Amino acid sequence: MKKILIPALVFATVFACKQPQKEAKSEVSEIQQEEKQEITQPNPEWTYLFDGTSFKGWHIYNGGEVTDTTPWKIAYSAMVFDGRKEGPEYNLVTDKEYTDFKLSLEWKISEGGNSGVMWGVKEEEKYAQPYLTGPEIQVLDNEKHPDGKYPSHHAGALYDMIAPPENITNPVGEWNKYEIYINHKTNEGKVWLNGTLTAQFPLEGEEWATLIANSKFKDWEGFGKSKTGKICLQDHEDKVWYKNIKIQEL
């Protein structure tokens, strides 16, 4: 009997040792698969405005499609404005209009460069430029661009209206991240630069009117008036990069 029991006992022991290992491997595999899904599957609440390979969903303000003849290119999964010294402007706007949303994107500016992200832009012939209607969140090399002398013109600012509390931009050549929150239902606008709140403001009412009255836009008939409009990436002549552009409508 001993000759029979010992192998049985050994087999049972070996099986018992292997079984938890098999289960452990299975659990690890499931966890790895879940992590892979979390990385590869975008949040269903977000809509990507840039697919990393084309300008689908975008066009030139008061112009047409983005072609090879414009300074806009795609490189390394980013929209790149190559810069220009003369000629017409090529501000980039979404095909679709938006009202209440969260916008997330990353940007990188060239040395001494200037650009901006606008919302509420109305595309009409009577408005030659998107900034005539759309408020701007500034994109800037704070150190070397002339606008760096004015805090309300710094990166992270609601341009010419609200200055960021401090300069928290990454060095030129490195990526920065914007999160822009526009909600007319609650009359709130907020901007985060690299995770820090840099501007908070109403979108209408007496306080909003005062902000405009104290800015360069005070006599601009259509500025900041529209709740619904297009999102714009500004051509300010200087080279700039944008990527990971996504929106969540509220």
C-alpha atoms as a PDB file:
ATOM      1  CA  MET A   1       0.000   0.000   0.000  1.00  0.00           C
ATOM      2  CA  LYS A   2       2.819   2.388   0.755  1.00  0.00           C
ATOM      3  CA  LYS A   3       4.116   2.025  -2.782  1.00  0.00           C
ATOM      4  CA  ILE A   4       0.709   3.123  -4.046  1.00  0.00           C
ATOM      5  CA  LEU A   5       0.106   5.980  -1.573  1.00  0.00           C
ATOM      6  CA  ILE A   6       3.453   7.692  -1.948  1.00  0.00           C
ATOM      7  CA  PRO A   7       3.202   8.332  -5.733  1.00  0.00           C
ATOM      8  CA  ALA A   8      -0.396   9.389  -5.248  1.00  0.00           C
ATOM      9  CA  LEU A   9       0.625  11.778  -2.529  1.00  0.00           C
ATOM     10  CA  VAL A  10       3.459  13.154  -4.627  1.00  0.00           C
ATOM     11  CA  PHE A  11       1.151  13.584  -7.616  1.00  0.00           C
ATOM     12  CA  ALA A  12      -1.419  15.354  -5.479  1.00  0.00           C
ATOM     13  CA  THR A  13       1.236  17.659  -4.045  1.00  0.00           C
ATOM     14  CA  VAL A  14       2.694  18.505  -7.444  1.00  0.00           C
ATOM     15  CA  PHE A  15      -0.773  19.104  -8.899  1.00  0.00           C
ATOM     16  CA  ALA A  16      -1.684  21.309  -5.938  1.00  0.00           C
ATOM     17  CA  CYS A  17       1.484  23.372  -6.495  1.00  0.00           C
ATOM     18  CA  LYS A  18       0.925  23.710 -10.220  1.00  0.00           C
ATOM     19  CA  GLN A  19      -2.739  24.626  -9.965  1.00  0.00           C
ATOM     20  CA  PRO A  20      -2.244  27.966  -8.091  1.00  0.00           C
ATOM     21  CA  GLN A  21       0.553  28.832 -10.516  1.00  0.00           C
ATOM     22  CA  LYS A  22      -1.792  28.201 -13.422  1.00  0.00           C
ATOM     23  CA  GLU A  23      -4.496  30.292 -11.767  1.00  0.00           C
ATOM     24  CA  ALA A  24      -1.960  33.027 -10.974  1.00  0.00           C
ATOM     25  CA  LYS A  25      -0.793  33.081 -14.586  1.00  0.00           C
ATOM     26  CA  SER A  26      -4.418  33.308 -15.706  1.00  0.00           C
ATOM     27  CA  GLU A  27      -5.065  36.246 -13.336  1.00  0.00           C
ATOM     28  CA  VAL A  28      -1.922  38.046 -14.522  1.00  0.00           C
ATOM     29  CA  SER A  29      -2.979  37.507 -18.116  1.00  0.00           C
ATOM     30  CA  GLU A  30      -6.431  38.959 -17.393  1.00  0.00           C
ATOM     31  CA  ILE A  31      -4.922  41.997 -15.643  1.00  0.00           C
ATOM     32  CA  GLN A  32      -2.493  42.576 -18.501  1.00  0.00           C
ATOM     33  CA  GLN A  33      -5.354  42.310 -20.982  1.00  0.00           C
ATOM     34  CA  GLU A  34      -7.418  44.829 -18.971  1.00  0.00           C
ATOM     35  CA  GLU A  35      -4.451  47.227 -18.851  1.00  0.00           C
ATOM     36  CA  LYS A  36      -3.954  46.837 -22.588  1.00  0.00           C
ATOM     37  CA  GLN A  37      -7.621  47.628 -23.190  1.00  0.00           C
ATOM     38  CA  GLU A  38      -7.401  50.717 -20.962  1.00  0.00           C
ATOM     39  CA  ILE A  39      -4.407  51.971 -22.937  1.00  0.00           C
ATOM     40  CA  THR A  40      -5.722  51.221 -26.419  1.00  0.00           C
ATOM     41  CA  GLN A  41      -9.414  52.045 -26.013  1.00  0.00           C
ATOM     42  CA  PRO A  42     -10.223  55.797 -25.914  1.00  0.00           C
ATOM     43  CA  ASN A  43     -12.707  57.096 -23.377  1.00  0.00           C
ATOM     44  CA  PRO A  44     -16.093  56.809 -25.149  1.00  0.00           C
ATOM     45  CA  GLU A  45     -17.089  60.233 -23.797  1.00  0.00           C
ATOM     46  CA  TRP A  46     -14.300  61.913 -25.770  1.00  0.00           C
ATOM     47  CA  THR A  47     -14.286  62.558 -29.504  1.00  0.00           C
ATOM     48  CA  TYR A  48     -10.905  62.955 -31.158  1.00  0.00           C
ATOM     49  CA  LEU A  49     -10.747  66.029 -33.401  1.00  0.00           C
ATOM     50  CA  PHE A  50      -7.477  64.936 -34.953  1.00  0.00           C
ATOM     51  CA  ASP A  51      -6.777  61.373 -36.111  1.00  0.00           C
ATOM     52  CA  GLY A  52      -3.004  61.900 -36.270  1.00  0.00           C
ATOM     53  CA  THR A  53      -2.816  61.347 -40.007  1.00  0.00           C
ATOM     54  CA  SER A  54      -5.096  63.860 -41.763  1.00  0.00           C
ATOM     55  CA  PHE A  55      -6.910  67.193 -41.460  1.00  0.00           C
ATOM     56  CA  LYS A  56     -10.300  65.505 -41.597  1.00  0.00           C
ATOM     57  CA  GLY A  57     -12.809  67.684 -39.728  1.00  0.00           C
ATOM     58  CA  TRP A  58     -10.746  70.877 -40.218  1.00  0.00           C
ATOM     59  CA  HIS A  59     -10.409  73.556 -42.888  1.00  0.00           C
ATOM     60  CA  ILE A  60      -8.876  76.995 -43.431  1.00  0.00           C
ATOM     61  CA  TYR A  61     -10.959  79.833 -41.964  1.00  0.00           C
ATOM     62  CA  ASN A  62     -12.956  81.524 -44.741  1.00  0.00           C
ATOM     63  CA  GLY A  63     -10.995  79.310 -47.111  1.00  0.00           C
ATOM     64  CA  GLY A  64     -11.134  75.689 -48.109  1.00  0.00           C
ATOM     65  CA  GLU A  65      -9.445  72.376 -47.575  1.00  0.00           C
ATOM     66  CA  VAL A  66      -5.995  72.098 -46.057  1.00  0.00           C
ATOM     67  CA  THR A  67      -3.722  71.325 -49.004  1.00  0.00           C
ATOM     68  CA  ASP A  68       0.005  70.924 -49.559  1.00  0.00           C
ATOM     69  CA  THR A  69       0.156  74.567 -50.617  1.00  0.00           C
ATOM     70  CA  THR A  70      -0.633  75.758 -47.076  1.00  0.00           C
ATOM     71  CA  PRO A  71       1.925  75.931 -44.239  1.00  0.00           C
ATOM     72  CA  TRP A  72      -0.015  73.243 -42.313  1.00  0.00           C
ATOM     73  CA  LYS A  73       1.566  69.788 -42.366  1.00  0.00           C
ATOM     74  CA  ILE A  74       1.320  66.552 -40.415  1.00  0.00           C
ATOM     75  CA  ALA A  75       4.453  65.102 -38.843  1.00  0.00           C
ATOM     76  CA  TYR A  76       4.925  62.576 -36.038  1.00  0.00           C
ATOM     77  CA  SER A  77       1.161  62.462 -35.342  1.00  0.00           C
ATOM     78  CA  ALA A  78       0.980  66.230 -34.861  1.00  0.00           C
ATOM     79  CA  MET A  79      -0.502  69.146 -36.779  1.00  0.00           C
ATOM     80  CA  VAL A  80       2.392  71.433 -37.618  1.00  0.00           C
ATOM     81  CA  PHE A  81       2.136  75.014 -38.798  1.00  0.00           C
ATOM     82  CA  ASP A  82       5.480  75.560 -40.529  1.00  0.00           C
ATOM     83  CA  GLY A  83       5.392  79.340 -40.230  1.00  0.00           C
ATOM     84  CA  ARG A  84       5.335  82.050 -42.890  1.00  0.00           C
ATOM     85  CA  LYS A  85       6.780  85.516 -43.477  1.00  0.00           C
ATOM     86  CA  GLU A  86       4.183  86.949 -45.825  1.00  0.00           C
ATOM     87  CA  GLY A  87       1.045  86.144 -47.773  1.00  0.00           C
ATOM     88  CA  PRO A  88      -2.462  85.200 -46.634  1.00  0.00           C
ATOM     89  CA  GLU A  89      -3.225  83.780 -43.206  1.00  0.00           C
ATOM     90  CA  TYR A  90      -4.130  80.140 -42.714  1.00  0.00           C
ATOM     91  CA  ASN A  91      -6.059  79.913 -39.466  1.00  0.00           C
ATOM     92  CA  LEU A  92      -7.337  76.383 -38.942  1.00  0.00           C
ATOM     93  CA  VAL A  93     -10.949  75.835 -37.782  1.00  0.00           C
ATOM     94  CA  THR A  94     -13.163  72.845 -37.087  1.00  0.00           C
ATOM     95  CA  ASP A  95     -15.873  71.968 -39.585  1.00  0.00           C
ATOM     96  CA  LYS A  96     -18.299  71.602 -36.682  1.00  0.00           C
ATOM     97  CA  GLU A  97     -19.501  74.219 -34.191  1.00  0.00           C
ATOM     98  CA  TYR A  98     -19.531  73.596 -30.441  1.00  0.00           C
ATOM     99  CA  THR A  99     -21.339  75.174 -27.493  1.00  0.00           C
ATOM    100  CA  ASP A 100     -20.578  73.519 -24.145  1.00  0.00           C
ATOM    101  CA  PHE A 101     -17.501  71.308 -23.960  1.00  0.00           C
ATOM    102  CA  LYS A 102     -14.214  70.229 -22.464  1.00  0.00           C
ATOM    103  CA  LEU A 103     -11.313  70.521 -24.885  1.00  0.00           C
ATOM    104  CA  SER A 104      -7.987  68.797 -24.305  1.00  0.00           C
ATOM    105  CA  LEU A 105      -4.897  69.219 -26.470  1.00  0.00           C
ATOM    106  CA  GLU A 106      -1.121  69.394 -26.374  1.00  0.00           C
ATOM    107  CA  TRP A 107       0.954  72.158 -27.960  1.00  0.00           C
ATOM    108  CA  LYS A 108       4.562  73.067 -28.547  1.00  0.00           C
ATOM    109  CA  ILE A 109       5.768  76.500 -29.671  1.00  0.00           C
ATOM    110  CA  SER A 110       8.888  77.516 -31.567  1.00  0.00           C
ATOM    111  CA  GLU A 111      11.486  79.898 -30.128  1.00  0.00           C
ATOM    112  CA  GLY A 112       9.978  83.394 -29.986  1.00  0.00           C
ATOM    113  CA  GLY A 113       6.709  81.981 -31.304  1.00  0.00           C
ATOM    114  CA  ASN A 114       3.066  82.954 -30.901  1.00  0.00           C
ATOM    115  CA  SER A 115      -0.223  81.159 -31.587  1.00  0.00           C
ATOM    116  CA  GLY A 116      -3.520  80.536 -29.808  1.00  0.00           C
ATOM    117  CA  VAL A 117      -6.607  78.396 -29.335  1.00  0.00           C
ATOM    118  CA  MET A 118      -9.986  80.091 -29.837  1.00  0.00           C
ATOM    119  CA  TRP A 119     -13.583  79.049 -29.320  1.00  0.00           C
ATOM    120  CA  GLY A 120     -16.945  80.565 -30.286  1.00  0.00           C
ATOM    121  CA  VAL A 121     -15.519  81.526 -33.687  1.00  0.00           C
ATOM    122  CA  LYS A 122     -18.085  82.613 -36.290  1.00  0.00           C
ATOM    123  CA  GLU A 123     -17.060  81.950 -39.863  1.00  0.00           C
ATOM    124  CA  GLU A 124     -18.696  84.678 -41.917  1.00  0.00           C
ATOM    125  CA  GLU A 125     -17.469  86.908 -44.733  1.00  0.00           C
ATOM    126  CA  LYS A 126     -17.930  90.028 -42.625  1.00  0.00           C
ATOM    127  CA  TYR A 127     -15.343  88.701 -40.160  1.00  0.00           C
ATOM    128  CA  ALA A 128     -11.956  88.593 -41.879  1.00  0.00           C
ATOM    129  CA  GLN A 129     -10.231  86.962 -38.892  1.00  0.00           C
ATOM    130  CA  PRO A 130     -11.343  84.366 -36.324  1.00  0.00           C
ATOM    131  CA  TYR A 131     -10.129  86.542 -33.446  1.00  0.00           C
ATOM    132  CA  LEU A 132     -12.795  89.131 -34.279  1.00  0.00           C
ATOM    133  CA  THR A 133     -15.366  86.816 -32.691  1.00  0.00           C
ATOM    134  CA  GLY A 134     -13.532  84.095 -30.780  1.00  0.00           C
ATOM    135  CA  PRO A 135     -11.843  84.618 -27.384  1.00  0.00           C
ATOM    136  CA  GLU A 136      -8.324  83.189 -27.273  1.00  0.00           C
ATOM    137  CA  ILE A 137      -6.291  81.085 -24.908  1.00  0.00           C
ATOM    138  CA  GLN A 138      -2.738  82.194 -25.595  1.00  0.00           C
ATOM    139  CA  VAL A 139       0.079  79.969 -26.873  1.00  0.00           C
ATOM    140  CA  LEU A 140       3.426  81.729 -26.493  1.00  0.00           C
ATOM    141  CA  ASP A 141       7.137  81.574 -25.849  1.00  0.00           C
ATOM    142  CA  ASN A 142       6.885  83.801 -22.770  1.00  0.00           C
ATOM    143  CA  GLU A 143      10.632  84.344 -22.635  1.00  0.00           C
ATOM    144  CA  LYS A 144      11.462  85.546 -26.131  1.00  0.00           C
ATOM    145  CA  HIS A 145       8.266  86.788 -27.773  1.00  0.00           C
ATOM    146  CA  PRO A 146       7.548  90.550 -27.314  1.00  0.00           C
ATOM    147  CA  ASP A 147       4.137  89.700 -25.803  1.00  0.00           C
ATOM    148  CA  GLY A 148       6.005  88.125 -22.897  1.00  0.00           C
ATOM    149  CA  LYS A 149       6.265  91.615 -21.409  1.00  0.00           C
ATOM    150  CA  TYR A 150       2.527  91.543 -20.682  1.00  0.00           C
ATOM    151  CA  PRO A 151       1.232  88.950 -18.185  1.00  0.00           C
ATOM    152  CA  SER A 152      -2.244  88.892 -19.767  1.00  0.00           C
ATOM    153  CA  HIS A 153      -0.576  87.813 -23.016  1.00  0.00           C
ATOM    154  CA  HIS A 154       1.319  84.878 -21.483  1.00  0.00           C
ATOM    155  CA  ALA A 155       0.632  81.239 -22.285  1.00  0.00           C
ATOM    156  CA  GLY A 156      -2.297  80.141 -20.133  1.00  0.00           C
ATOM    157  CA  ALA A 157      -3.961  83.558 -20.299  1.00  0.00           C
ATOM    158  CA  LEU A 158      -7.428  84.407 -21.511  1.00  0.00           C
ATOM    159  CA  TYR A 159      -5.696  86.683 -23.965  1.00  0.00           C
ATOM    160  CA  ASP A 160      -5.647  90.374 -22.949  1.00  0.00           C
ATOM    161  CA  MET A 161      -8.246  89.758 -20.242  1.00  0.00           C
ATOM    162  CA  ILE A 162      -6.989  87.385 -17.531  1.00  0.00           C
ATOM    163  CA  ALA A 163      -3.314  86.706 -16.770  1.00  0.00           C
ATOM    164  CA  PRO A 164      -2.167  83.329 -15.415  1.00  0.00           C
ATOM    165  CA  PRO A 165      -1.004  83.377 -11.769  1.00  0.00           C
ATOM    166  CA  GLU A 166       2.506  82.289 -12.764  1.00  0.00           C
ATOM    167  CA  ASN A 167       4.602  81.102 -15.681  1.00  0.00           C
ATOM    168  CA  ILE A 168       4.245  77.328 -15.710  1.00  0.00           C
ATOM    169  CA  THR A 169       5.018  76.607 -19.372  1.00  0.00           C
ATOM    170  CA  ASN A 170       7.558  73.967 -20.230  1.00  0.00           C
ATOM    171  CA  PRO A 171      10.689  75.125 -22.070  1.00  0.00           C
ATOM    172  CA  VAL A 172      10.482  75.857 -25.791  1.00  0.00           C
ATOM    173  CA  GLY A 173      10.603  72.610 -27.731  1.00  0.00           C
ATOM    174  CA  GLU A 174       8.730  70.656 -25.042  1.00  0.00           C
ATOM    175  CA  TRP A 175       5.042  69.778 -25.041  1.00  0.00           C
ATOM    176  CA  ASN A 176       2.461  71.585 -22.920  1.00  0.00           C
ATOM    177  CA  LYS A 177      -1.096  70.487 -22.222  1.00  0.00           C
ATOM    178  CA  TYR A 178      -4.260  72.584 -22.249  1.00  0.00           C
ATOM    179  CA  GLU A 179      -7.623  71.638 -20.775  1.00  0.00           C
ATOM    180  CA  ILE A 180     -10.283  74.194 -21.646  1.00  0.00           C
ATOM    181  CA  TYR A 181     -13.747  74.059 -20.067  1.00  0.00           C
ATOM    182  CA  ILE A 182     -16.585  76.094 -21.597  1.00  0.00           C
ATOM    183  CA  ASN A 183     -20.055  75.664 -20.097  1.00  0.00           C
ATOM    184  CA  HIS A 184     -22.749  78.236 -20.876  1.00  0.00           C
ATOM    185  CA  LYS A 185     -25.291  76.294 -18.796  1.00  0.00           C
ATOM    186  CA  THR A 186     -23.355  77.169 -15.642  1.00  0.00           C
ATOM    187  CA  ASN A 187     -21.741  80.327 -17.083  1.00  0.00           C
ATOM    188  CA  GLU A 188     -18.232  79.007 -16.440  1.00  0.00           C
ATOM    189  CA  GLY A 189     -15.007  79.113 -18.372  1.00  0.00           C
ATOM    190  CA  LYS A 190     -11.798  77.553 -17.026  1.00  0.00           C
ATOM    191  CA  VAL A 191      -8.321  76.891 -18.367  1.00  0.00           C
ATOM    192  CA  TRP A 192      -5.685  74.509 -17.050  1.00  0.00           C
ATOM    193  CA  LEU A 193      -2.102  74.603 -18.307  1.00  0.00           C
ATOM    194  CA  ASN A 194      -0.025  71.548 -17.420  1.00  0.00           C
ATOM    195  CA  GLY A 195      -2.524  70.720 -14.679  1.00  0.00           C
ATOM    196  CA  THR A 196      -2.616  74.186 -13.070  1.00  0.00           C
ATOM    197  CA  LEU A 197      -5.693  76.419 -13.235  1.00  0.00           C
ATOM    198  CA  THR A 198      -4.570  79.590 -15.037  1.00  0.00           C
ATOM    199  CA  ALA A 199      -7.850  81.355 -15.839  1.00  0.00           C
ATOM    200  CA  GLN A 200     -11.416  81.263 -14.558  1.00  0.00           C
ATOM    201  CA  PHE A 201     -14.161  83.507 -15.936  1.00  0.00           C
ATOM    202  CA  PRO A 202     -17.882  83.855 -16.704  1.00  0.00           C
ATOM    203  CA  LEU A 203     -19.051  83.600 -20.297  1.00  0.00           C
ATOM    204  CA  GLU A 204     -21.725  86.281 -20.161  1.00  0.00           C
ATOM    205  CA  GLY A 205     -23.142  88.905 -17.849  1.00  0.00           C
ATOM    206  CA  GLU A 206     -21.738  92.014 -16.214  1.00  0.00           C
ATOM    207  CA  GLU A 207     -18.349  90.549 -15.251  1.00  0.00           C
ATOM    208  CA  TRP A 208     -17.750  89.224 -18.785  1.00  0.00           C
ATOM    209  CA  ALA A 209     -18.757  92.580 -20.252  1.00  0.00           C
ATOM    210  CA  THR A 210     -16.306  94.316 -17.902  1.00  0.00           C
ATOM    211  CA  LEU A 211     -13.461  92.029 -18.959  1.00  0.00           C
ATOM    212  CA  ILE A 212     -14.109  92.907 -22.583  1.00  0.00           C
ATOM    213  CA  ALA A 213     -14.515  96.624 -21.827  1.00  0.00           C
ATOM    214  CA  ASN A 214     -11.066  96.667 -20.201  1.00  0.00           C
ATOM    215  CA  SER A 215      -9.391  94.906 -23.136  1.00  0.00           C
ATOM    216  CA  LYS A 216      -8.388  95.655 -26.725  1.00  0.00           C
ATOM    217  CA  PHE A 217     -11.679  94.066 -27.814  1.00  0.00           C
ATOM    218  CA  LYS A 218     -13.972  96.671 -26.258  1.00  0.00           C
ATOM    219  CA  ASP A 219     -15.118  98.155 -29.570  1.00  0.00           C
ATOM    220  CA  TRP A 220     -15.291  94.879 -31.494  1.00  0.00           C
ATOM    221  CA  GLU A 221     -18.940  94.298 -32.350  1.00  0.00           C
ATOM    222  CA  GLY A 222     -18.924  90.499 -32.579  1.00  0.00           C
ATOM    223  CA  PHE A 223     -16.272  89.591 -30.033  1.00  0.00           C
ATOM    224  CA  GLY A 224     -17.265  87.045 -27.378  1.00  0.00           C
ATOM    225  CA  LYS A 225     -20.924  87.268 -28.275  1.00  0.00           C
ATOM    226  CA  SER A 226     -21.628  83.813 -29.665  1.00  0.00           C
ATOM    227  CA  LYS A 227     -22.356  80.801 -27.456  1.00  0.00           C
ATOM    228  CA  THR A 228     -21.898  78.434 -30.377  1.00  0.00           C
ATOM    229  CA  GLY A 229     -18.950  78.550 -32.746  1.00  0.00           C
ATOM    230  CA  LYS A 230     -15.924  76.826 -34.176  1.00  0.00           C
ATOM    231  CA  ILE A 231     -12.638  76.014 -32.512  1.00  0.00           C
ATOM    232  CA  CYS A 232      -9.595  77.639 -34.087  1.00  0.00           C
ATOM    233  CA  LEU A 233      -5.842  77.033 -34.072  1.00  0.00           C
ATOM    234  CA  GLN A 234      -4.235  80.346 -34.917  1.00  0.00           C
ATOM    235  CA  ASP A 235      -1.808  81.238 -37.665  1.00  0.00           C
ATOM    236  CA  HIS A 236       0.343  83.936 -36.041  1.00  0.00           C
ATOM    237  CA  GLU A 237       3.169  83.440 -38.589  1.00  0.00           C
ATOM    238  CA  ASP A 238       5.295  81.366 -36.179  1.00  0.00           C
ATOM    239  CA  LYS A 239       5.890  77.627 -36.164  1.00  0.00           C
ATOM    240  CA  VAL A 240       3.691  75.673 -33.752  1.00  0.00           C
ATOM    241  CA  TRP A 241       2.669  72.053 -33.133  1.00  0.00           C
ATOM    242  CA  TYR A 242      -0.650  70.592 -31.899  1.00  0.00           C
ATOM    243  CA  LYS A 243      -1.551  66.972 -31.076  1.00  0.00           C
ATOM    244  CA  ASN A 244      -3.871  64.741 -29.042  1.00  0.00           C
ATOM    245  CA  ILE A 245      -6.814  67.042 -29.722  1.00  0.00           C
ATOM    246  CA  LYS A 246     -10.067  65.733 -28.267  1.00  0.00           C
ATOM    247  CA  ILE A 247     -13.382  67.159 -27.093  1.00  0.00           C
ATOM    248  CA  GLN A 248     -16.135  66.136 -24.725  1.00  0.00           C
ATOM    249  CA  GLU A 249     -19.475  67.830 -25.387  1.00  0.00           C
ATOM    250  CA  LEU A 250     -21.434  68.679 -22.236  1.00  0.00           C
END
